[in-house]
Amino acid sequence: MMRQIVALCMLSVAAACGPMGPTTPSRPPLAQKWLDRGEESYKSGDFDDARAATDEVLKISPHADDARLLAARIALARLDYKKVLELTDGMKSSEAHGLRGRASWYAGDLESAADELETMLQDPSVKDPWARDVAKLARSGGARKPFNMDGGVVALTEMPPAGSALVVPCEIEGEQVLTMIATGTPEVIIDSASRSEPSWVSLRFGGRIEVNDVPALTQDLSGLSRVLGAPIKALLGVDLLRHIHATFDRRGSQFVLRMNEPPSPPQASRMPLFYARGGAMMMRLQVAQPSAGAANAAGSLFYVDSSKPYSLLMQDSLWKRAGVDLGQLVPTSVLPNARAGRVPSLRVGGMAFPSVPGLALASVGDQAPPSLDVDLGGIVGAGLLEAFRVTFTDEGRYAWVEPDPTMSQDQDSK
């Protein structure tokens, strides 16, 4: 009887005090405000403000997992791999394993990348073909040093005429082929007609520099070849471009790669670059005059996809912000439901250009990779990139952008 009375008393106390077991303390209101700001800034692609906001959260609540994960995603977009590993240390969630796996992969730590990505893929809710293929490559990599370069100090390759397409001749495993620069793609992609499985390959450019142990995924590139009217056997993704300190100059018909970081060009603007999950390239552009106010000073985030033939694709809201009457846009056959017009002013880094051709869609989300977790203002295509000489620097965190002097004169509406 006494035992029953004690049990009833314990139940009464538990009911009065709430559920038994450990509880999670509520986050201080100030920390929550900073976190909300960080998430909003990250979503809009303002990574500098997002990083500053998450720094404030972690000063107040240093063990807040959601803030640590957000800060790690920001660090990965900025290619700060060491920071990603520090922020997610000890965390066991699938997202944490995925972030550490990507950071390890792009940092060249193959064993850690394989361990982390394989652990992430054990979660039934995760469906990530990139991670599956890369985990296999990483596990088979052994002691390889990805993107190991041999040969001369600088190699220059003449780019053949291909409209605005950034086509580059090279050798893949000794075979002379045509490839295309693909800034929207993280890895090198080999045509699946040539290779059926992801593999490690060697590339040789200009007969002078060979890039060994290049990780390559596979994809059917026959559709791209038909559009260009030339057999494209591979796509050169941004991870390769970052490692070889590449320069592409469509109008000068030159593709340059180097053993070391290039010096600063005398007339270039230094543009910060960001990468979705460490991969697909992004940059911020302004589509309104500086007099439009400080709210637009940071610009809007654009996905950069050099495989697209048009110059610029922007969502309707950004056209309105640029002061364009949507009723004046004209139909075009370049994309379904798209309309064409000219952006009154486009600022690229420290350079402003008037009357830049572009396309409009109500939303550009379905034109970008589904893995993007940010809101895009638009997409930059090869039609705009061809007007610049672009050089990757600081391991891809920045690009030197030099304009063609005829850009504002002969850009056509693509």
Protein backbone atom coordinates (compact mmCIF):
# COMPACT_ATOMS: atom_id res chain seq x y z
CA MET A 1 0.00 0.00 0.00
CA MET A 2 2.81 2.34 0.90
CA ARG A 3 4.44 1.73 -2.49
CA GLN A 4 1.20 2.68 -4.25
CA ILE A 5 0.96 5.92 -2.28
CA VAL A 6 4.60 6.82 -3.16
CA ALA A 7 3.97 6.08 -6.84
CA LEU A 8 0.85 8.24 -6.87
CA CYS A 9 2.78 11.07 -5.24
CA MET A 10 5.52 10.84 -7.84
CA LEU A 11 2.94 10.93 -10.62
CA SER A 12 1.32 13.97 -9.04
CA VAL A 13 4.66 15.79 -8.86
CA ALA A 14 5.47 14.87 -12.49
CA ALA A 15 2.08 16.13 -13.64
CA ALA A 16 2.56 19.39 -11.80
CA CYS A 17 6.10 19.96 -13.04
CA GLY A 18 5.64 18.83 -16.63
CA PRO A 19 7.29 15.97 -18.56
CA MET A 20 10.26 14.29 -16.90
CA GLY A 21 13.70 14.21 -18.57
CA PRO A 22 16.06 16.82 -19.95
CA THR A 23 14.58 19.94 -21.44
CA THR A 24 16.02 22.34 -23.99
CA PRO A 25 16.39 25.88 -22.63
CA SER A 26 14.76 28.53 -24.72
CA ARG A 27 17.07 30.73 -26.80
CA PRO A 28 17.53 34.30 -25.57
CA PRO A 29 15.31 36.66 -27.60
CA LEU A 30 18.31 38.65 -28.87
CA ALA A 31 19.95 35.48 -30.19
CA GLN A 32 16.73 34.54 -31.98
CA LYS A 33 16.54 37.95 -33.63
CA TRP A 34 20.11 37.60 -34.88
CA LEU A 35 19.36 34.08 -36.15
CA ASP A 36 16.25 35.25 -37.99
CA ARG A 37 18.32 37.98 -39.63
CA GLY A 38 21.05 35.51 -40.54
CA GLU A 39 18.60 33.10 -42.14
CA GLU A 40 16.91 35.89 -44.07
CA SER A 41 20.23 37.30 -45.30
CA TYR A 42 21.47 33.85 -46.30
CA LYS A 43 18.30 33.16 -48.23
CA SER A 44 18.68 36.44 -50.14
CA GLY A 45 22.34 35.69 -50.87
CA ASP A 46 23.79 38.44 -48.68
CA PHE A 47 26.41 36.12 -47.24
CA ASP A 48 28.47 38.84 -45.56
CA ASP A 49 25.51 40.00 -43.48
CA ALA A 50 24.47 36.40 -42.82
CA ARG A 51 27.92 35.60 -41.45
CA ALA A 52 27.92 38.69 -39.23
CA ALA A 53 24.48 37.77 -37.86
CA THR A 54 25.40 34.14 -37.09
CA ASP A 55 28.58 35.35 -35.37
CA GLU A 56 26.36 37.35 -33.01
CA VAL A 57 24.11 34.34 -32.35
CA LEU A 58 27.09 32.16 -31.46
CA LYS A 59 28.47 34.78 -29.09
CA ILE A 60 25.23 34.51 -27.12
CA SER A 61 24.45 30.81 -27.66
CA PRO A 62 27.71 29.12 -28.73
CA HIS A 63 26.21 25.63 -28.77
CA ALA A 64 23.09 26.41 -30.83
CA ASP A 65 23.13 23.67 -33.47
CA ASP A 66 20.87 25.47 -35.94
CA ALA A 67 23.10 28.56 -35.85
CA ARG A 68 26.22 26.42 -36.22
CA LEU A 69 24.75 24.67 -39.26
CA LEU A 70 23.75 27.98 -40.85
CA ALA A 71 27.23 29.38 -40.22
CA ALA A 72 28.73 26.24 -41.79
CA ARG A 73 26.58 26.62 -44.91
CA ILE A 74 27.77 30.22 -45.22
CA ALA A 75 31.40 29.12 -44.77
CA LEU A 76 31.02 26.46 -47.46
CA ALA A 77 29.58 29.01 -49.91
CA ARG A 78 32.73 31.07 -49.27
CA LEU A 79 35.02 28.01 -49.62
CA ASP A 80 36.18 28.27 -46.00
CA TYR A 81 36.53 24.52 -45.51
CA LYS A 82 38.37 24.70 -42.18
CA LYS A 83 35.57 26.82 -40.72
CA VAL A 84 32.94 24.29 -41.88
CA LEU A 85 34.75 21.50 -40.04
CA GLU A 86 35.16 23.58 -36.88
CA LEU A 87 31.51 24.62 -36.78
CA THR A 88 30.11 21.12 -37.27
CA ASP A 89 32.60 19.29 -35.06
CA GLY A 90 30.81 16.68 -32.98
CA MET A 91 27.45 17.12 -34.71
CA LYS A 92 25.79 13.88 -35.84
CA SER A 93 22.94 15.06 -38.08
CA SER A 94 22.82 14.14 -41.77
CA GLU A 95 23.19 17.81 -42.66
CA ALA A 96 26.35 18.07 -40.58
CA HIS A 97 27.82 14.95 -42.20
CA GLY A 98 26.95 16.37 -45.62
CA LEU A 99 28.59 19.72 -44.90
CA ARG A 100 31.74 18.07 -43.57
CA GLY A 101 31.77 15.69 -46.55
CA ARG A 102 31.61 18.52 -49.09
CA ALA A 103 34.20 20.59 -47.25
CA SER A 104 36.56 17.61 -47.05
CA TRP A 105 36.03 16.78 -50.73
CA TYR A 106 36.78 20.27 -52.01
CA ALA A 107 39.73 20.53 -49.61
CA GLY A 108 41.18 17.33 -51.14
CA ASP A 109 40.77 15.12 -48.03
CA LEU A 110 39.39 12.07 -49.85
CA GLU A 111 39.20 9.64 -46.93
CA SER A 112 37.26 12.04 -44.71
CA ALA A 113 34.98 12.98 -47.60
CA ALA A 114 34.14 9.32 -48.23
CA ASP A 115 33.47 8.66 -44.52
CA GLU A 116 31.19 11.68 -44.09
CA LEU A 117 29.23 11.31 -47.34
CA GLU A 118 28.71 7.57 -46.84
CA THR A 119 27.39 8.23 -43.33
CA MET A 120 25.02 10.89 -44.67
CA LEU A 121 23.72 8.53 -47.35
CA GLN A 122 22.78 5.96 -44.71
CA ASP A 123 19.88 8.25 -43.79
CA PRO A 124 16.84 6.98 -45.77
CA SER A 125 15.52 10.53 -46.11
CA VAL A 126 18.64 11.69 -48.01
CA LYS A 127 18.60 11.41 -51.80
CA ASP A 128 21.77 12.93 -53.24
CA PRO A 129 23.16 11.45 -56.51
CA TRP A 130 26.14 13.82 -56.41
CA ALA A 131 27.13 12.60 -52.95
CA ARG A 132 26.69 8.96 -54.00
CA ASP A 133 29.01 9.31 -57.01
CA VAL A 134 31.55 11.48 -55.22
CA ALA A 135 31.69 9.11 -52.24
CA LYS A 136 32.64 6.29 -54.64
CA LEU A 137 35.32 8.45 -56.26
CA ALA A 138 36.67 9.55 -52.89
CA ARG A 139 36.78 5.97 -51.58
CA SER A 140 38.66 4.80 -54.70
CA GLY A 141 41.02 7.78 -54.65
CA GLY A 142 43.55 6.29 -52.29
CA ALA A 143 46.63 8.51 -52.00
CA ARG A 144 45.73 10.66 -55.01
CA LYS A 145 46.27 14.39 -54.86
CA PRO A 146 43.42 15.87 -56.91
CA PHE A 147 44.35 18.39 -59.60
CA ASN A 148 48.08 17.75 -59.41
CA MET A 149 49.70 19.79 -62.22
CA ASP A 150 52.82 19.03 -64.27
CA GLY A 151 54.54 20.89 -67.09
CA GLY A 152 55.10 24.56 -67.81
CA VAL A 153 54.25 27.58 -65.71
CA VAL A 154 51.53 28.84 -68.06
CA ALA A 155 49.57 27.17 -70.86
CA LEU A 156 47.46 29.00 -73.45
CA THR A 157 44.83 27.33 -75.60
CA GLU A 158 43.05 28.96 -78.53
CA MET A 159 39.28 28.77 -78.18
CA PRO A 160 37.59 27.91 -81.51
CA PRO A 161 34.67 30.00 -82.86
CA ALA A 162 31.46 28.88 -81.14
CA GLY A 163 29.31 31.99 -80.73
CA SER A 164 29.17 32.87 -77.04
CA ALA A 165 29.85 29.27 -75.94
CA LEU A 166 33.09 28.87 -74.00
CA VAL A 167 34.49 25.91 -75.94
CA VAL A 168 38.02 24.74 -75.07
CA PRO A 169 40.11 22.06 -76.86
CA CYS A 170 42.08 19.71 -74.61
CA GLU A 171 43.32 16.16 -74.30
CA ILE A 172 41.54 13.69 -72.03
CA GLU A 173 43.67 10.62 -71.39
CA GLY A 174 45.61 11.41 -74.56
CA GLU A 175 42.55 11.90 -76.79
CA GLN A 176 42.06 15.33 -78.38
CA VAL A 177 38.50 16.52 -77.66
CA LEU A 178 36.35 19.62 -77.38
CA THR A 179 35.17 20.62 -73.92
CA MET A 180 33.08 23.51 -72.62
CA ILE A 181 33.50 25.69 -69.53
CA ALA A 182 30.50 25.12 -67.23
CA THR A 183 30.49 27.50 -64.27
CA GLY A 184 27.19 26.09 -63.02
CA THR A 185 28.74 22.64 -62.56
CA PRO A 186 30.99 21.72 -59.62
CA GLU A 187 32.88 18.79 -61.15
CA VAL A 188 34.29 17.88 -64.53
CA ILE A 189 31.59 16.01 -66.45
CA ILE A 190 32.52 13.40 -69.07
CA ASP A 191 30.07 12.41 -71.80
CA SER A 192 28.49 9.10 -70.76
CA ALA A 193 29.03 7.79 -74.29
CA SER A 194 32.76 7.78 -73.47
CA ARG A 195 32.64 6.63 -69.84
CA SER A 196 29.82 4.90 -68.02
CA GLU A 197 31.09 5.42 -64.46
CA PRO A 198 32.67 8.28 -62.49
CA SER A 199 36.45 8.05 -62.73
CA TRP A 200 39.78 9.79 -62.24
CA VAL A 201 41.18 11.28 -65.46
CA SER A 202 44.05 13.43 -66.69
CA LEU A 203 43.63 16.57 -68.83
CA ARG A 204 46.28 18.27 -70.96
CA PHE A 205 46.00 21.85 -72.22
CA GLY A 206 47.99 23.63 -74.90
CA GLY A 207 50.56 20.84 -74.97
CA ARG A 208 52.21 22.41 -71.92
CA ILE A 209 50.34 21.64 -68.68
CA GLU A 210 48.81 18.33 -67.63
CA VAL A 211 46.32 18.19 -64.79
CA ASN A 212 46.35 14.75 -63.17
CA ASP A 213 43.93 12.96 -60.86
CA VAL A 214 40.92 15.01 -61.92
CA PRO A 215 37.65 13.62 -60.52
CA ALA A 216 35.04 13.30 -63.25
CA LEU A 217 31.35 12.41 -63.14
CA THR A 218 29.34 11.30 -66.17
CA GLN A 219 26.34 12.72 -68.03
CA ASP A 220 24.78 12.47 -71.48
CA LEU A 221 26.10 15.50 -73.38
CA SER A 222 24.61 14.60 -76.77
CA GLY A 223 21.89 17.25 -76.49
CA LEU A 224 24.46 19.97 -75.86
CA SER A 225 26.52 18.74 -78.81
CA ARG A 226 23.49 18.96 -81.10
CA VAL A 227 22.74 22.53 -80.02
CA LEU A 228 26.33 23.67 -80.60
CA GLY A 229 26.83 21.61 -83.73
CA ALA A 230 30.08 20.21 -82.32
CA PRO A 231 30.95 17.07 -80.32
CA ILE A 232 31.35 18.27 -76.72
CA LYS A 233 32.98 15.45 -74.77
CA ALA A 234 33.32 17.09 -71.36
CA LEU A 235 32.30 20.03 -69.19
CA LEU A 236 34.99 21.84 -67.21
CA GLY A 237 33.42 22.52 -63.81
CA VAL A 238 34.40 25.25 -61.37
CA ASP A 239 36.40 23.03 -59.02
CA LEU A 240 38.88 22.45 -61.85
CA LEU A 241 38.85 26.14 -62.86
CA ARG A 242 39.64 27.18 -59.29
CA HIS A 243 42.59 24.81 -59.01
CA ILE A 244 44.21 25.75 -62.33
CA HIS A 245 43.87 29.53 -61.82
CA ALA A 246 42.03 29.71 -65.12
CA THR A 247 41.33 32.69 -67.38
CA PHE A 248 38.73 32.56 -70.11
CA ASP A 249 38.40 35.25 -72.76
CA ARG A 250 35.76 34.44 -75.35
CA ARG A 251 36.30 37.52 -77.52
CA GLY A 252 40.06 37.15 -77.34
CA SER A 253 39.64 33.40 -78.06
CA GLN A 254 41.97 32.44 -75.21
CA PHE A 255 41.85 29.96 -72.36
CA VAL A 256 44.80 30.21 -69.96
CA LEU A 257 45.79 28.03 -67.01
CA ARG A 258 48.64 28.55 -64.57
CA MET A 259 50.63 26.77 -61.91
CA ASN A 260 50.37 29.73 -59.55
CA GLU A 261 48.05 32.60 -58.64
CA PRO A 262 47.98 35.28 -61.37
CA PRO A 263 48.94 38.90 -60.70
CA SER A 264 46.28 41.59 -60.62
CA PRO A 265 45.35 42.83 -64.13
CA PRO A 266 45.70 46.63 -64.39
CA GLN A 267 42.13 47.39 -65.51
CA ALA A 268 40.17 44.68 -63.69
CA SER A 269 37.47 44.71 -61.04
CA ARG A 270 37.82 42.17 -58.20
CA MET A 271 34.53 40.31 -57.82
CA PRO A 272 33.71 38.09 -54.83
CA LEU A 273 32.36 34.70 -55.87
CA PHE A 274 30.20 32.28 -53.91
CA TYR A 275 29.39 28.63 -54.49
CA ALA A 276 26.15 26.82 -53.76
CA ARG A 277 27.11 23.99 -51.37
CA GLY A 278 30.70 24.58 -52.43
CA GLY A 279 29.86 23.93 -56.09
CA ALA A 280 27.77 25.96 -58.54
CA MET A 281 29.08 29.51 -59.00
CA MET A 282 27.17 32.61 -57.88
CA MET A 283 27.86 36.36 -57.82
CA ARG A 284 26.07 39.56 -56.85
CA LEU A 285 25.09 42.13 -59.46
CA GLN A 286 23.26 45.45 -59.22
CA VAL A 287 20.50 46.17 -61.71
CA ALA A 288 19.63 49.68 -60.59
CA GLN A 289 21.55 52.91 -60.40
CA PRO A 290 23.30 53.63 -57.05
CA SER A 291 20.86 56.55 -56.66
CA ALA A 292 18.11 53.97 -56.16
CA GLY A 293 19.11 53.89 -52.51
CA ALA A 294 21.08 51.91 -49.97
CA ALA A 295 18.55 49.06 -50.00
CA ASN A 296 19.94 47.93 -53.34
CA ALA A 297 23.59 48.58 -52.50
CA ALA A 298 24.35 44.90 -51.91
CA GLY A 299 22.81 43.92 -55.24
CA SER A 300 21.03 40.66 -56.03
CA LEU A 301 22.37 37.12 -56.19
CA PHE A 302 22.82 35.56 -59.63
CA TYR A 303 23.57 31.95 -60.49
CA VAL A 304 26.35 31.90 -63.12
CA ASP A 305 25.82 29.23 -65.78
CA SER A 306 28.12 29.54 -68.78
CA SER A 307 26.26 26.72 -70.56
CA LYS A 308 23.26 29.04 -71.09
CA PRO A 309 23.38 30.93 -74.41
CA TYR A 310 21.56 34.08 -73.27
CA SER A 311 23.13 37.10 -71.57
CA LEU A 312 20.95 37.60 -68.53
CA LEU A 313 17.77 36.09 -67.14
CA MET A 314 16.00 38.00 -64.36
CA GLN A 315 12.77 37.51 -62.49
CA ASP A 316 10.03 40.08 -63.05
CA SER A 317 10.44 41.68 -59.62
CA LEU A 318 14.04 42.59 -60.43
CA TRP A 319 13.05 44.14 -63.75
CA LYS A 320 10.57 46.30 -61.85
CA ARG A 321 13.28 47.31 -59.37
CA ALA A 322 15.40 48.38 -62.33
CA GLY A 323 12.57 50.70 -63.40
CA VAL A 324 11.43 48.68 -66.41
CA ASP A 325 7.77 48.57 -67.43
CA LEU A 326 7.04 44.84 -67.89
CA GLY A 327 4.50 45.73 -70.55
CA GLN A 328 7.33 46.92 -72.78
CA LEU A 329 9.07 43.53 -72.80
CA VAL A 330 8.62 41.55 -76.02
CA PRO A 331 8.06 37.82 -76.58
CA THR A 332 11.07 35.65 -77.35
CA SER A 333 11.59 32.03 -78.36
CA VAL A 334 14.79 31.61 -76.32
CA LEU A 335 12.89 30.23 -73.30
CA PRO A 336 9.22 29.23 -72.90
CA ASN A 337 7.17 32.11 -71.44
CA ALA A 338 10.18 34.43 -71.44
CA ARG A 339 10.15 38.05 -72.65
CA ALA A 340 13.10 40.13 -73.80
CA GLY A 341 14.19 43.67 -73.05
CA ARG A 342 17.15 45.75 -71.88
CA VAL A 343 18.28 46.43 -68.34
CA PRO A 344 18.87 50.20 -68.05
CA SER A 345 21.98 49.78 -65.89
CA LEU A 346 23.96 46.74 -64.82
CA ARG A 347 26.78 47.05 -62.32
CA VAL A 348 29.39 44.28 -62.36
CA GLY A 349 31.81 44.85 -59.51
CA GLY A 350 32.99 48.42 -59.84
CA MET A 351 31.88 48.73 -63.46
CA ALA A 352 28.51 49.99 -64.70
CA PHE A 353 27.12 49.23 -68.17
CA PRO A 354 24.01 50.76 -69.75
CA SER A 355 21.31 49.01 -71.77
CA VAL A 356 22.25 45.35 -71.25
CA PRO A 357 20.04 42.79 -73.04
CA GLY A 358 18.17 40.29 -70.90
CA LEU A 359 15.23 37.96 -70.54
CA ALA A 360 12.40 38.05 -68.01
CA LEU A 361 10.47 35.29 -66.26
CA ALA A 362 8.01 35.47 -63.40
CA SER A 363 10.36 33.14 -61.50
CA VAL A 364 13.82 31.84 -62.42
CA GLY A 365 13.92 29.06 -59.83
CA ASP A 366 13.16 26.24 -62.25
CA GLN A 367 16.06 27.34 -64.48
CA ALA A 368 18.63 26.74 -61.71
CA PRO A 369 19.75 23.52 -59.97
CA PRO A 370 17.13 22.19 -57.52
CA SER A 371 19.78 21.95 -54.80
CA LEU A 372 20.09 25.74 -54.46
CA ASP A 373 18.81 26.88 -51.05
CA VAL A 374 18.89 30.62 -51.82
CA ASP A 375 16.58 33.03 -53.63
CA LEU A 376 17.99 34.12 -56.99
CA GLY A 377 17.51 37.42 -58.70
CA GLY A 378 18.51 35.84 -61.97
CA ILE A 379 20.98 33.84 -64.02
CA VAL A 380 24.09 35.02 -65.86
CA GLY A 381 24.70 33.18 -69.13
CA ALA A 382 27.49 32.93 -71.67
CA GLY A 383 26.09 35.89 -73.62
CA LEU A 384 27.19 38.20 -70.80
CA LEU A 385 30.35 36.33 -69.82
CA GLU A 386 31.68 36.58 -73.36
CA ALA A 387 31.97 40.35 -72.89
CA PHE A 388 34.60 39.91 -70.17
CA ARG A 389 38.00 38.41 -69.58
CA VAL A 390 37.55 36.44 -66.35
CA THR A 391 40.39 35.15 -64.16
CA PHE A 392 39.92 33.01 -61.05
CA THR A 393 42.02 34.09 -58.08
CA ASP A 394 42.36 33.41 -54.34
CA GLU A 395 41.54 29.73 -54.96
CA GLY A 396 38.29 30.74 -56.66
CA ARG A 397 36.96 33.01 -53.91
CA TYR A 398 37.32 35.99 -56.25
CA ALA A 399 37.56 36.69 -59.96
CA TRP A 400 39.34 39.45 -61.81
CA VAL A 401 36.83 40.76 -64.36
CA GLU A 402 38.05 42.87 -67.29
CA PRO A 403 35.43 44.29 -69.67
CA ASP A 404 35.57 44.23 -73.44
CA PRO A 405 35.46 47.90 -74.53
CA THR A 406 32.77 47.16 -77.12
CA MET A 407 30.39 45.50 -74.64
CA SER A 408 27.83 48.30 -74.54
CA GLN A 409 27.92 48.68 -78.32
CA ASP A 410 27.42 45.27 -79.83
CA GLN A 411 25.72 43.01 -77.28
CA ASP A 412 22.68 41.64 -79.05
CA SER A 413 19.44 40.49 -77.45
CA LYS A 414 19.90 36.81 -76.91
